[in-house]
Amino acid sequence: MASGLIIPGVQVTVVKEVLPQQLAPSGVLGLIGFTEKAEETEQKELKVTRAGNWSRYVEVLGRGSAYSLPEARQALDNGVSELVISPLPASAGAVARAAVAGDENKAKAFRALLDKAVRDTTAVADAAKKTWEALKANAGADPVKVKAAEKDYTEAKARLDEATAAQTAGLDITNDKAGLTLMARAPGPWANGLIVRVGYRDNIDQSISFDLQVLRRVAGREEILEVYRSQTLATFGATLKGSSFVKVDAAKALGWPKADEYTLAGGQDASADDYAAALARLRDEADVDMVLAAVQDFSDLTKVTRVYGAVISHCNAMSDECKGRIGFGQVPRTGSPDTHALLASNLVSDRFVLVAPNGVVGAVTGVVGNLPYFHSPTFKRLSGLADLPPISTEDQKALLRGNVVPVVLERGRGTIVLRGLTTDGDQINVRRVADRAVRLLKMIGDLFIGLLNNADGRTALKQKLVEALVQMEKDGAIVPSTDGKDPAFKVEVYSSQADFALGIVRVNMAVRPVRAIDYIYATITVQV
């Protein structure tokens, strides 16, 4: 009561009930990898970017990011709630490049055509100018003809300006033997092996131009990714801005390209320390509950283990702050199931999931993020995966024994997660339920910080916790023991005299997460 009454009457004090906020939706994925573009702070430091759909992702990070970070599209296609991207700096990895040789003869012929175009348009412009000036000087000239002559001169002058600009661009080709230097849209080895094919075509106006194709060869099959036709060096750079794969290195000398095929190479992945620094930027994103480091180069398993170890350390550190997260990774493109199991044995954690084969981890994180937090991804369908390499039954068993999550194609079911488990052998949904309970406890506990440590305060705290846990039980996230003797949860709130003096209230809480049915053992008795 703020003050006592002087005049007899009634004073009413309204006390608002403590009401916890709604928890953020589960399935928010923190993604680390190379992007074509990145958002920066005013201090020119990289910052995380949020994307809830594909158009937003491409708009902010660039179309090249679809290829340097393919896990993003897989995750969104399979229903992840939101992406929180922490990009690696461009300086962390090398960009794949292709040096296109110069063709001196074509360059000279090109310049000759540009010079001829300037001479021809100059003659036309001079003639149009004389005609217009003569009509203007004639006092008896028809005004309509004067206006038409002026228009003709204006158009001829515009064509001359265009020809002169093209000639200037052509003269900027200072090193014919240098050709062009093409570079990938984003750093990393993702573009290694991409082929740029340069060829020439005959134009009706007898001008010189070249075509450019971006392609790749897979298993002896050629796949054309992009085509740019009738290019001149005056327009090539502007046209190539729309490419998802390559761009011209403007810092290099330009020369007329020689017809041939050129392969992009030299792209390198970031170091383990670079991945760890990008992980650190996710610390302040409280709603993230899944983390994926999109490693590109698996040739050095020691480095891969360090990167995934940093993911595990990050998830453990965030769990200490009541922001529990689960990390995801994938096996290399090559190697036996025993090798993959060995990798998993070096990454044993209840907060890490290792997926096989390589190239499907984005889809797995997407389907996990799309499921209710207490549901298991076992036998759940994945979408957007093409040319999935088959895994034999024996290899599936070997992967499961090593606590690696296999993704397989089964008749009648489609592409599925064979079994969802962490590298310590437990079900993924068990860890997610426990993390959800921790986040609930933290959220409710924050509401009582600063309130009085008395019996009423402790009882109110316990009631709010029980209320939240009852809802989890109704949802099916936590369950009683199979014999029904032990409840789905237990809560104890107390404060000893020593704790009371220090302003401490202790909470003991036990929950029993629901588990998925992974195996069914049946006995059939044949009676006679």
Protein backbone atom coordinates (compact mmCIF):
# COMPACT_ATOMS: atom_id res chain seq x y z
CA MET A 1 0.00 0.00 0.00
CA ALA A 2 1.56 3.28 -1.13
CA SER A 3 0.07 5.48 1.63
CA GLY A 4 -2.44 5.33 4.43
CA LEU A 5 -5.90 6.91 4.24
CA ILE A 6 -6.65 10.06 6.23
CA ILE A 7 -10.31 10.42 5.40
CA PRO A 8 -12.29 7.24 6.04
CA GLY A 9 -12.81 5.32 2.80
CA VAL A 10 -11.49 2.45 0.69
CA GLN A 11 -8.13 2.22 -1.05
CA VAL A 12 -7.67 -0.59 -3.61
CA THR A 13 -4.26 -1.85 -4.73
CA VAL A 14 -4.10 -3.92 -7.91
CA VAL A 15 -1.37 -6.56 -8.00
CA LYS A 16 -0.59 -7.94 -11.44
CA GLU A 17 -0.01 -11.67 -11.58
CA VAL A 18 3.46 -12.78 -12.66
CA LEU A 19 3.10 -13.86 -16.27
CA PRO A 20 5.97 -15.58 -18.11
CA GLN A 21 6.70 -14.65 -21.70
CA GLN A 22 6.24 -17.02 -24.60
CA LEU A 23 9.37 -19.00 -25.42
CA ALA A 24 10.89 -18.45 -28.86
CA PRO A 25 9.97 -21.17 -31.36
CA SER A 26 12.33 -24.12 -31.51
CA GLY A 27 14.20 -25.00 -34.68
CA VAL A 28 16.21 -21.80 -35.17
CA LEU A 29 19.45 -22.74 -36.96
CA GLY A 30 22.72 -20.89 -36.52
CA LEU A 31 24.67 -21.41 -39.76
CA ILE A 32 28.38 -20.68 -40.29
CA GLY A 33 29.95 -20.60 -43.75
CA PHE A 34 31.12 -18.57 -46.74
CA THR A 35 28.71 -16.16 -48.43
CA GLU A 36 29.00 -13.95 -51.49
CA LYS A 37 28.10 -10.85 -49.50
CA ALA A 38 27.88 -10.12 -45.78
CA GLU A 39 26.27 -7.45 -43.64
CA GLU A 40 28.60 -5.23 -41.63
CA THR A 41 28.29 -2.99 -38.61
CA GLU A 42 29.24 0.69 -38.68
CA GLN A 43 32.67 -0.40 -37.45
CA LYS A 44 33.03 -2.62 -40.56
CA GLU A 45 32.74 -5.79 -38.52
CA LEU A 46 30.73 -8.76 -39.77
CA LYS A 47 27.36 -9.32 -38.16
CA VAL A 48 24.85 -12.13 -38.22
CA THR A 49 22.03 -12.08 -40.76
CA ARG A 50 18.55 -13.53 -40.27
CA ALA A 51 16.54 -15.11 -43.06
CA GLY A 52 13.19 -16.82 -42.72
CA ASN A 53 12.79 -17.58 -46.42
CA TRP A 54 14.88 -18.12 -49.54
CA SER A 55 14.19 -14.76 -51.19
CA ARG A 56 15.43 -12.92 -48.12
CA TYR A 57 18.55 -15.09 -47.99
CA VAL A 58 19.45 -14.42 -51.64
CA GLU A 59 18.62 -10.72 -51.40
CA VAL A 60 20.94 -10.05 -48.48
CA LEU A 61 23.75 -12.55 -49.02
CA GLY A 62 23.82 -12.89 -52.83
CA ARG A 63 22.94 -15.64 -55.31
CA GLY A 64 26.45 -17.08 -55.09
CA SER A 65 25.71 -17.99 -51.47
CA ALA A 66 23.30 -20.63 -52.77
CA TYR A 67 26.33 -22.58 -53.96
CA SER A 68 28.96 -21.70 -51.37
CA LEU A 69 26.47 -22.48 -48.57
CA PRO A 70 24.02 -25.08 -49.98
CA GLU A 71 22.98 -26.15 -46.48
CA ALA A 72 20.86 -22.97 -46.25
CA ARG A 73 18.51 -23.99 -49.06
CA GLN A 74 18.27 -27.56 -47.77
CA ALA A 75 17.36 -26.35 -44.27
CA LEU A 76 14.71 -23.93 -45.52
CA ASP A 77 13.22 -26.49 -47.92
CA ASN A 78 12.80 -28.94 -45.05
CA GLY A 79 11.09 -26.46 -42.74
CA VAL A 80 13.63 -24.89 -40.38
CA SER A 81 12.02 -22.02 -38.45
CA GLU A 82 14.67 -19.40 -39.25
CA LEU A 83 18.29 -19.13 -40.35
CA VAL A 84 20.75 -17.05 -38.35
CA ILE A 85 23.83 -16.84 -40.60
CA SER A 86 27.24 -15.92 -39.20
CA PRO A 87 29.37 -15.47 -42.33
CA LEU A 88 33.06 -16.23 -42.53
CA PRO A 89 35.18 -13.27 -43.67
CA ALA A 90 36.25 -13.35 -47.33
CA SER A 91 39.87 -13.13 -46.17
CA ALA A 92 39.50 -16.42 -44.27
CA GLY A 93 39.57 -18.54 -47.42
CA ALA A 94 40.97 -18.31 -50.93
CA VAL A 95 38.72 -17.63 -53.93
CA ALA A 96 38.83 -20.06 -56.85
CA ARG A 97 40.13 -18.38 -60.02
CA ALA A 98 40.67 -19.02 -63.72
CA ALA A 99 43.20 -17.06 -65.78
CA VAL A 100 41.82 -16.67 -69.32
CA ALA A 101 44.54 -16.26 -71.93
CA GLY A 102 44.51 -13.22 -74.20
CA ASP A 103 44.09 -13.27 -77.98
CA GLU A 104 46.18 -10.45 -79.46
CA ASN A 105 44.82 -10.83 -83.00
CA LYS A 106 41.21 -10.65 -81.81
CA ALA A 107 42.03 -7.63 -79.66
CA LYS A 108 43.53 -5.77 -82.65
CA ALA A 109 40.57 -6.67 -84.84
CA PHE A 110 38.20 -5.57 -82.09
CA ARG A 111 39.95 -2.21 -81.79
CA ALA A 112 39.88 -1.78 -85.55
CA LEU A 113 36.11 -2.33 -85.54
CA LEU A 114 35.72 0.20 -82.73
CA ASP A 115 37.84 2.73 -84.60
CA LYS A 116 35.81 2.16 -87.77
CA ALA A 117 32.58 2.61 -85.83
CA VAL A 118 33.85 5.95 -84.51
CA ARG A 119 34.89 7.10 -88.00
CA ASP A 120 31.55 6.09 -89.51
CA THR A 121 29.41 7.66 -86.79
CA THR A 122 31.59 10.80 -86.86
CA ALA A 123 30.94 11.21 -90.59
CA VAL A 124 27.22 10.75 -90.11
CA ALA A 125 27.14 13.17 -87.16
CA ASP A 126 29.14 15.81 -89.06
CA ALA A 127 26.80 15.57 -92.06
CA ALA A 128 23.71 15.85 -89.85
CA LYS A 129 25.22 18.83 -88.06
CA LYS A 130 25.94 20.67 -91.35
CA THR A 131 22.41 20.03 -92.60
CA TRP A 132 20.88 21.34 -89.39
CA GLU A 133 23.10 24.42 -89.24
CA ALA A 134 22.36 25.24 -92.89
CA LEU A 135 18.61 25.06 -92.30
CA LYS A 136 18.91 27.21 -89.18
CA ALA A 137 20.81 29.85 -91.13
CA ASN A 138 18.11 29.96 -93.83
CA ALA A 139 15.47 32.40 -92.66
CA GLY A 140 12.88 30.95 -95.04
CA ALA A 141 13.42 27.31 -94.06
CA ASP A 142 10.45 25.18 -93.06
CA PRO A 143 10.38 24.97 -89.21
CA VAL A 144 9.29 21.32 -89.43
CA LYS A 145 12.38 20.46 -91.49
CA VAL A 146 14.59 22.39 -89.05
CA LYS A 147 13.14 20.40 -86.17
CA ALA A 148 13.64 17.09 -88.02
CA ALA A 149 17.24 18.00 -88.89
CA GLU A 150 17.90 18.84 -85.25
CA LYS A 151 16.50 15.46 -84.18
CA ASP A 152 18.66 13.64 -86.75
CA TYR A 153 21.77 15.40 -85.45
CA THR A 154 20.88 14.64 -81.81
CA GLU A 155 20.47 10.95 -82.58
CA ALA A 156 23.68 10.84 -84.64
CA LYS A 157 25.56 12.59 -81.81
CA ALA A 158 24.23 10.00 -79.31
CA ARG A 159 25.46 7.15 -81.53
CA LEU A 160 28.83 8.86 -81.80
CA ASP A 161 29.03 9.17 -78.02
CA GLU A 162 28.27 5.46 -77.68
CA ALA A 163 30.90 4.52 -80.27
CA THR A 164 33.46 6.78 -78.59
CA ALA A 165 32.73 5.23 -75.18
CA ALA A 166 33.16 1.74 -76.67
CA GLN A 167 36.41 2.84 -78.28
CA THR A 168 37.66 4.14 -74.94
CA ALA A 169 36.76 0.85 -73.29
CA GLY A 170 38.57 -1.00 -76.05
CA LEU A 171 41.68 1.14 -75.62
CA ASP A 172 41.70 0.20 -71.93
CA ILE A 173 42.66 -3.33 -72.97
CA THR A 174 46.31 -2.64 -72.25
CA ASN A 175 47.60 -6.20 -72.02
CA ASP A 176 46.32 -8.45 -74.77
CA LYS A 177 48.21 -11.47 -73.50
CA ALA A 178 46.69 -11.20 -70.01
CA GLY A 179 43.16 -12.02 -71.12
CA LEU A 180 40.64 -12.04 -68.26
CA THR A 181 40.85 -13.26 -64.69
CA LEU A 182 37.58 -14.80 -63.53
CA MET A 183 36.94 -15.52 -59.87
CA ALA A 184 34.25 -17.34 -57.93
CA ARG A 185 31.45 -15.34 -56.36
CA ALA A 186 32.37 -16.49 -52.84
CA PRO A 187 35.52 -17.86 -51.18
CA GLY A 188 36.14 -21.51 -50.47
CA PRO A 189 36.70 -24.64 -52.54
CA TRP A 190 33.06 -24.97 -53.65
CA ALA A 191 33.93 -23.56 -57.11
CA ASN A 192 37.03 -25.67 -57.69
CA GLY A 193 36.47 -27.67 -60.87
CA LEU A 194 33.91 -25.31 -62.41
CA ILE A 195 34.69 -24.85 -66.12
CA VAL A 196 34.41 -21.57 -68.01
CA ARG A 197 34.18 -22.09 -71.77
CA VAL A 198 35.00 -19.17 -74.07
CA GLY A 199 33.97 -19.30 -77.74
CA TYR A 200 33.25 -16.95 -80.65
CA ARG A 201 30.17 -16.50 -82.79
CA ASP A 202 29.59 -14.76 -86.14
CA ASN A 203 27.32 -11.75 -85.86
CA ILE A 204 25.17 -10.38 -88.67
CA ASP A 205 26.85 -6.96 -88.48
CA GLN A 206 30.29 -8.65 -88.79
CA SER A 207 31.29 -7.42 -85.31
CA ILE A 208 33.45 -9.51 -82.99
CA SER A 209 31.89 -10.99 -79.87
CA PHE A 210 32.35 -14.06 -77.73
CA ASP A 211 30.20 -16.45 -75.75
CA LEU A 212 30.83 -17.64 -72.23
CA GLN A 213 29.44 -20.75 -70.57
CA VAL A 214 29.82 -21.91 -66.96
CA LEU A 215 29.60 -25.67 -66.69
CA ARG A 216 30.70 -28.66 -64.69
CA ARG A 217 31.35 -32.28 -65.55
CA VAL A 218 30.04 -34.95 -63.21
CA ALA A 219 30.69 -38.63 -63.91
CA GLY A 220 31.49 -37.87 -67.54
CA ARG A 221 28.27 -35.90 -67.97
CA GLU A 222 28.34 -32.19 -68.86
CA GLU A 223 25.97 -29.81 -67.10
CA ILE A 224 25.61 -26.25 -68.41
CA LEU A 225 24.94 -23.89 -65.51
CA GLU A 226 24.96 -20.45 -67.16
CA VAL A 227 25.29 -19.03 -70.69
CA TYR A 228 26.24 -15.48 -71.76
CA ARG A 229 26.13 -14.75 -75.52
CA SER A 230 27.46 -12.00 -77.80
CA GLN A 231 29.73 -10.39 -75.25
CA THR A 232 32.16 -7.56 -75.88
CA LEU A 233 34.62 -6.34 -73.31
CA ALA A 234 32.68 -3.09 -73.19
CA THR A 235 29.59 -4.90 -71.85
CA PHE A 236 31.01 -8.09 -70.41
CA GLY A 237 31.61 -6.88 -66.86
CA ALA A 238 28.13 -5.41 -66.55
CA THR A 239 26.45 -8.50 -67.97
CA LEU A 240 28.38 -10.87 -65.72
CA LYS A 241 27.05 -9.11 -62.62
CA GLY A 242 24.04 -11.40 -62.91
CA SER A 243 26.12 -14.58 -62.73
CA SER A 244 25.70 -16.81 -59.71
CA PHE A 245 29.14 -18.36 -60.13
CA VAL A 246 31.84 -16.07 -61.50
CA LYS A 247 32.83 -12.42 -61.83
CA VAL A 248 35.68 -10.53 -63.46
CA ASP A 249 38.59 -9.62 -61.23
CA ALA A 250 38.66 -5.88 -61.89
CA ALA A 251 42.05 -5.55 -60.22
CA LYS A 252 43.69 -7.53 -63.04
CA ALA A 253 44.55 -6.28 -66.53
CA LEU A 254 41.92 -6.97 -69.20
CA GLY A 255 42.66 -8.51 -72.56
CA TRP A 256 40.53 -10.02 -75.31
CA PRO A 257 39.89 -13.65 -74.20
CA LYS A 258 41.14 -16.60 -76.21
CA ALA A 259 38.64 -19.32 -77.13
CA ASP A 260 39.22 -22.33 -74.89
CA GLU A 261 38.11 -23.99 -71.65
CA TYR A 262 39.37 -22.74 -68.31
CA THR A 263 38.92 -24.47 -64.95
CA LEU A 264 38.49 -22.57 -61.69
CA ALA A 265 40.95 -23.69 -59.05
CA GLY A 266 42.74 -22.54 -55.91
CA GLY A 267 39.73 -22.09 -53.64
CA GLN A 268 40.57 -22.86 -50.00
CA ASP A 269 38.48 -23.33 -46.88
CA ALA A 270 38.76 -21.26 -43.72
CA SER A 271 40.80 -22.38 -40.72
CA ALA A 272 39.37 -23.88 -37.55
CA ASP A 273 40.05 -20.59 -35.75
CA ASP A 274 38.02 -18.70 -38.36
CA TYR A 275 35.07 -21.04 -37.80
CA ALA A 276 35.43 -20.59 -34.03
CA ALA A 277 35.38 -16.80 -34.40
CA ALA A 278 32.20 -17.00 -36.50
CA LEU A 279 30.65 -19.27 -33.85
CA ALA A 280 31.36 -16.65 -31.21
CA ARG A 281 29.10 -14.18 -33.02
CA LEU A 282 26.15 -16.50 -32.34
CA ARG A 283 26.51 -16.20 -28.56
CA ASP A 284 24.14 -13.24 -28.34
CA GLU A 285 21.43 -14.90 -30.45
CA ALA A 286 19.40 -16.33 -27.58
CA ASP A 287 16.77 -18.14 -29.67
CA VAL A 288 19.23 -20.28 -31.65
CA ASP A 289 18.90 -23.93 -30.59
CA MET A 290 20.75 -25.67 -33.46
CA VAL A 291 24.21 -24.93 -34.90
CA LEU A 292 25.80 -26.05 -38.17
CA ALA A 293 29.33 -25.26 -39.33
CA ALA A 294 29.28 -25.72 -43.12
CA VAL A 295 32.80 -27.09 -43.63
CA GLN A 296 33.74 -27.35 -47.32
CA ASP A 297 37.15 -29.05 -47.26
CA PHE A 298 37.24 -32.52 -45.66
CA SER A 299 40.72 -33.47 -46.87
CA ASP A 300 42.21 -32.76 -43.42
CA LEU A 301 40.17 -34.70 -40.85
CA THR A 302 42.22 -33.21 -38.01
CA LYS A 303 41.01 -29.74 -38.94
CA VAL A 304 37.44 -30.99 -39.43
CA THR A 305 37.56 -32.52 -35.94
CA ARG A 306 38.78 -29.20 -34.53
CA VAL A 307 35.94 -27.32 -36.21
CA TYR A 308 33.30 -29.74 -34.97
CA GLY A 309 34.98 -29.77 -31.56
CA ALA A 310 34.56 -25.99 -31.48
CA VAL A 311 30.85 -26.48 -32.27
CA ILE A 312 30.52 -28.89 -29.32
CA SER A 313 32.37 -26.49 -27.00
CA HIS A 314 30.10 -23.66 -28.15
CA CYS A 315 26.97 -25.73 -27.48
CA ASN A 316 28.23 -26.74 -24.03
CA ALA A 317 29.12 -23.15 -23.15
CA MET A 318 25.70 -21.92 -24.22
CA SER A 319 24.02 -24.65 -22.16
CA ASP A 320 25.76 -23.19 -19.10
CA GLU A 321 23.93 -19.95 -19.91
CA CYS A 322 20.59 -21.82 -20.19
CA LYS A 323 20.61 -21.51 -23.99
CA GLY A 324 21.10 -25.16 -24.86
CA ARG A 325 21.98 -25.96 -28.46
CA ILE A 326 22.66 -29.04 -30.57
CA GLY A 327 25.44 -29.02 -33.16
CA PHE A 328 25.35 -30.79 -36.52
CA GLY A 329 28.11 -32.00 -38.83
CA GLN A 330 28.65 -34.40 -41.69
CA VAL A 331 31.12 -37.08 -42.72
CA PRO A 332 33.64 -36.57 -45.57
CA ARG A 333 32.72 -37.34 -49.19
CA THR A 334 35.05 -40.32 -49.18
CA GLY A 335 35.89 -42.96 -46.60
CA SER A 336 34.44 -46.14 -45.17
CA PRO A 337 31.78 -46.42 -42.46
CA ASP A 338 34.54 -47.41 -40.03
CA THR A 339 36.36 -44.15 -40.81
CA HIS A 340 33.14 -42.20 -40.22
CA ALA A 341 32.55 -44.06 -36.95
CA LEU A 342 36.09 -43.18 -35.88
CA LEU A 343 35.36 -39.51 -36.55
CA ALA A 344 32.21 -39.78 -34.43
CA SER A 345 34.19 -41.42 -31.60
CA ASN A 346 36.34 -38.27 -31.43
CA LEU A 347 33.22 -36.12 -31.19
CA VAL A 348 31.21 -37.98 -28.51
CA SER A 349 28.65 -35.59 -27.03
CA ASP A 350 24.97 -35.43 -26.24
CA ARG A 351 25.00 -32.12 -28.11
CA PHE A 352 26.36 -33.19 -31.47
CA VAL A 353 24.92 -35.08 -34.44
CA LEU A 354 27.10 -36.50 -37.24
CA VAL A 355 25.27 -37.21 -40.51
CA ALA A 356 26.10 -39.48 -43.46
CA PRO A 357 26.50 -39.27 -46.42
CA ASN A 358 28.14 -35.95 -47.17
CA GLY A 359 25.83 -33.28 -48.60
CA VAL A 360 22.61 -33.97 -46.67
CA VAL A 361 23.23 -32.35 -43.28
CA GLY A 362 21.31 -29.18 -44.20
CA ALA A 363 18.19 -31.22 -44.93
CA VAL A 364 18.53 -33.11 -41.64
CA THR A 365 18.76 -29.89 -39.62
CA GLY A 366 15.76 -28.56 -41.52
CA VAL A 367 13.54 -31.53 -40.70
CA VAL A 368 14.68 -31.51 -37.04
CA GLY A 369 13.87 -27.81 -36.85
CA ASN A 370 10.48 -28.36 -38.44
CA LEU A 371 9.45 -31.07 -35.97
CA PRO A 372 7.99 -30.29 -32.53
CA TYR A 373 10.94 -30.23 -30.14
CA PHE A 374 9.97 -33.53 -28.51
CA HIS A 375 9.54 -35.49 -31.77
CA SER A 376 12.23 -37.78 -33.13
CA PRO A 377 13.53 -37.38 -36.72
CA THR A 378 13.73 -41.17 -37.08
CA PHE A 379 12.00 -42.33 -40.29
CA LYS A 380 11.06 -38.74 -41.19
CA ARG A 381 11.17 -37.80 -44.87
CA LEU A 382 13.64 -35.32 -46.35
CA SER A 383 13.10 -33.26 -49.50
CA GLY A 384 15.34 -31.55 -52.00
CA LEU A 385 18.01 -34.26 -52.16
CA ALA A 386 18.98 -35.56 -55.58
CA ASP A 387 21.50 -38.25 -56.57
CA LEU A 388 21.75 -39.56 -53.03
CA PRO A 389 24.54 -42.16 -52.90
CA PRO A 390 23.21 -45.54 -51.74
CA ILE A 391 24.27 -46.98 -48.39
CA SER A 392 24.20 -50.76 -48.12
CA THR A 393 22.52 -52.50 -45.19
CA GLU A 394 25.88 -53.54 -43.74
CA ASP A 395 27.17 -49.99 -43.97
CA GLN A 396 23.99 -48.70 -42.32
CA LYS A 397 24.59 -51.04 -39.40
CA ALA A 398 28.22 -49.95 -39.14
CA LEU A 399 27.24 -46.27 -39.12
CA LEU A 400 24.56 -46.80 -36.46
CA ARG A 401 26.96 -48.78 -34.28
CA GLY A 402 29.31 -45.78 -34.52
CA ASN A 403 26.47 -43.37 -33.62
CA VAL A 404 26.43 -41.76 -37.06
CA VAL A 405 23.02 -40.77 -38.46
CA PRO A 406 22.45 -42.38 -41.90
CA VAL A 407 20.19 -40.81 -44.52
CA VAL A 408 18.92 -43.47 -46.90
CA LEU A 409 16.49 -43.93 -49.77
CA GLU A 410 13.92 -46.63 -49.01
CA ARG A 411 11.20 -47.88 -51.30
CA GLY A 412 7.79 -46.75 -50.16
CA ARG A 413 9.19 -44.23 -47.67
CA GLY A 414 11.39 -42.00 -49.81
CA THR A 415 14.53 -40.35 -48.47
CA ILE A 416 14.47 -40.68 -44.69
CA VAL A 417 16.57 -40.23 -41.58
CA LEU A 418 17.21 -43.83 -40.56
CA ARG A 419 17.66 -43.03 -36.88
CA GLY A 420 18.06 -39.71 -35.10
CA LEU A 421 20.74 -39.92 -32.42
CA THR A 422 23.61 -37.89 -31.02
CA THR A 423 27.20 -39.09 -31.05
CA ASP A 424 26.83 -40.43 -27.50
CA GLY A 425 24.06 -42.77 -28.70
CA ASP A 426 21.03 -41.00 -27.22
CA GLN A 427 17.97 -39.78 -29.12
CA ILE A 428 18.09 -36.20 -30.40
CA ASN A 429 14.63 -35.35 -29.06
CA VAL A 430 15.65 -36.29 -25.49
CA ARG A 431 18.32 -33.60 -25.50
CA ARG A 432 15.93 -31.07 -27.03
CA VAL A 433 13.26 -31.73 -24.39
CA ALA A 434 15.82 -31.25 -21.60
CA ASP A 435 16.99 -27.99 -23.20
CA ARG A 436 13.40 -26.81 -23.46
CA ALA A 437 12.86 -27.48 -19.75
CA VAL A 438 16.01 -25.51 -18.92
CA ARG A 439 14.86 -22.54 -21.01
CA LEU A 440 11.47 -22.64 -19.25
CA LEU A 441 13.11 -22.68 -15.84
CA LYS A 442 15.36 -19.76 -16.79
CA MET A 443 12.49 -17.72 -18.21
CA ILE A 444 10.24 -18.26 -15.17
CA GLY A 445 13.08 -17.80 -12.71
CA ASP A 446 13.95 -14.41 -14.18
CA LEU A 447 10.46 -13.18 -13.28
CA PHE A 448 11.13 -13.77 -9.58
CA ILE A 449 14.53 -12.11 -9.36
CA GLY A 450 14.16 -9.15 -7.00
CA LEU A 451 10.98 -10.43 -5.34
CA LEU A 452 10.85 -11.35 -1.66
CA ASN A 453 12.37 -14.65 -0.52
CA ASN A 454 9.54 -15.76 1.72
CA ALA A 455 7.21 -18.73 1.78
CA ASP A 456 4.72 -17.03 -0.52
CA GLY A 457 7.43 -16.13 -3.06
CA ARG A 458 8.88 -19.64 -3.11
CA THR A 459 5.43 -21.18 -3.40
CA ALA A 460 4.55 -18.89 -6.30
CA LEU A 461 7.78 -19.87 -8.06
CA LYS A 462 7.01 -23.55 -7.60
CA GLN A 463 3.46 -23.10 -8.86
CA LYS A 464 4.65 -21.38 -12.03
CA LEU A 465 7.17 -24.14 -12.68
CA VAL A 466 4.56 -26.82 -12.09
CA GLU A 467 2.17 -25.01 -14.41
CA ALA A 468 4.74 -24.98 -17.22
CA LEU A 469 5.70 -28.62 -16.69
CA VAL A 470 2.08 -29.73 -16.62
CA GLN A 471 1.69 -28.11 -20.03
CA MET A 472 4.77 -29.97 -21.28
CA GLU A 473 3.21 -33.21 -20.01
CA LYS A 474 -0.09 -32.43 -21.74
CA ASP A 475 1.81 -31.72 -24.97
CA GLY A 476 3.44 -35.12 -24.67
CA ALA A 477 7.01 -33.86 -24.22
CA ILE A 478 7.45 -35.51 -20.80
CA VAL A 479 5.78 -38.70 -19.57
CA PRO A 480 5.40 -40.77 -16.37
CA SER A 481 7.37 -43.97 -15.92
CA THR A 482 6.08 -46.96 -17.87
CA ASP A 483 4.69 -48.54 -14.69
CA GLY A 484 2.91 -45.30 -13.77
CA LYS A 485 4.53 -45.14 -10.33
CA ASP A 486 6.86 -42.22 -11.05
CA PRO A 487 5.43 -38.91 -12.32
CA ALA A 488 6.53 -37.11 -15.45
CA PHE A 489 8.24 -34.40 -13.40
CA LYS A 490 9.19 -33.42 -9.88
CA VAL A 491 9.81 -29.92 -8.52
CA GLU A 492 11.27 -28.83 -5.21
CA VAL A 493 11.81 -25.16 -4.25
CA TYR A 494 13.55 -24.32 -0.97
CA SER A 495 16.00 -21.99 0.73
CA SER A 496 18.17 -22.93 3.73
CA GLN A 497 18.97 -20.37 6.37
CA ALA A 498 22.44 -19.86 4.88
CA ASP A 499 20.91 -19.48 1.42
CA PHE A 500 18.35 -17.07 2.82
CA ALA A 501 21.12 -14.81 4.11
CA LEU A 502 22.70 -14.75 0.64
CA GLY A 503 19.44 -14.22 -1.27
CA ILE A 504 19.49 -17.71 -2.79
CA VAL A 505 16.53 -19.91 -3.67
CA ARG A 506 17.29 -23.44 -4.89
CA VAL A 507 15.20 -25.43 -7.34
CA ASN A 508 15.49 -29.17 -7.83
CA MET A 509 13.62 -30.30 -10.90
CA ALA A 510 13.40 -33.69 -12.60
CA VAL A 511 11.78 -34.39 -15.97
CA ARG A 512 11.36 -37.59 -17.95
CA PRO A 513 11.54 -36.78 -21.70
CA VAL A 514 9.42 -38.89 -23.98
CA ARG A 515 11.38 -41.31 -26.16
CA ALA A 516 10.63 -42.50 -29.67
CA ILE A 517 10.01 -46.11 -30.58
CA ASP A 518 13.15 -47.16 -32.43
CA TYR A 519 12.74 -50.93 -32.22
CA ILE A 520 9.86 -53.38 -31.87
CA TYR A 521 10.55 -56.94 -30.74
CA ALA A 522 7.64 -59.30 -31.30
CA THR A 523 7.07 -62.90 -30.35
CA ILE A 524 4.56 -64.97 -32.27
CA THR A 525 3.48 -68.29 -30.84
CA VAL A 526 2.22 -70.77 -33.38
CA GLN A 527 -0.45 -72.83 -31.65
CA VAL A 528 -1.59 -76.32 -32.58
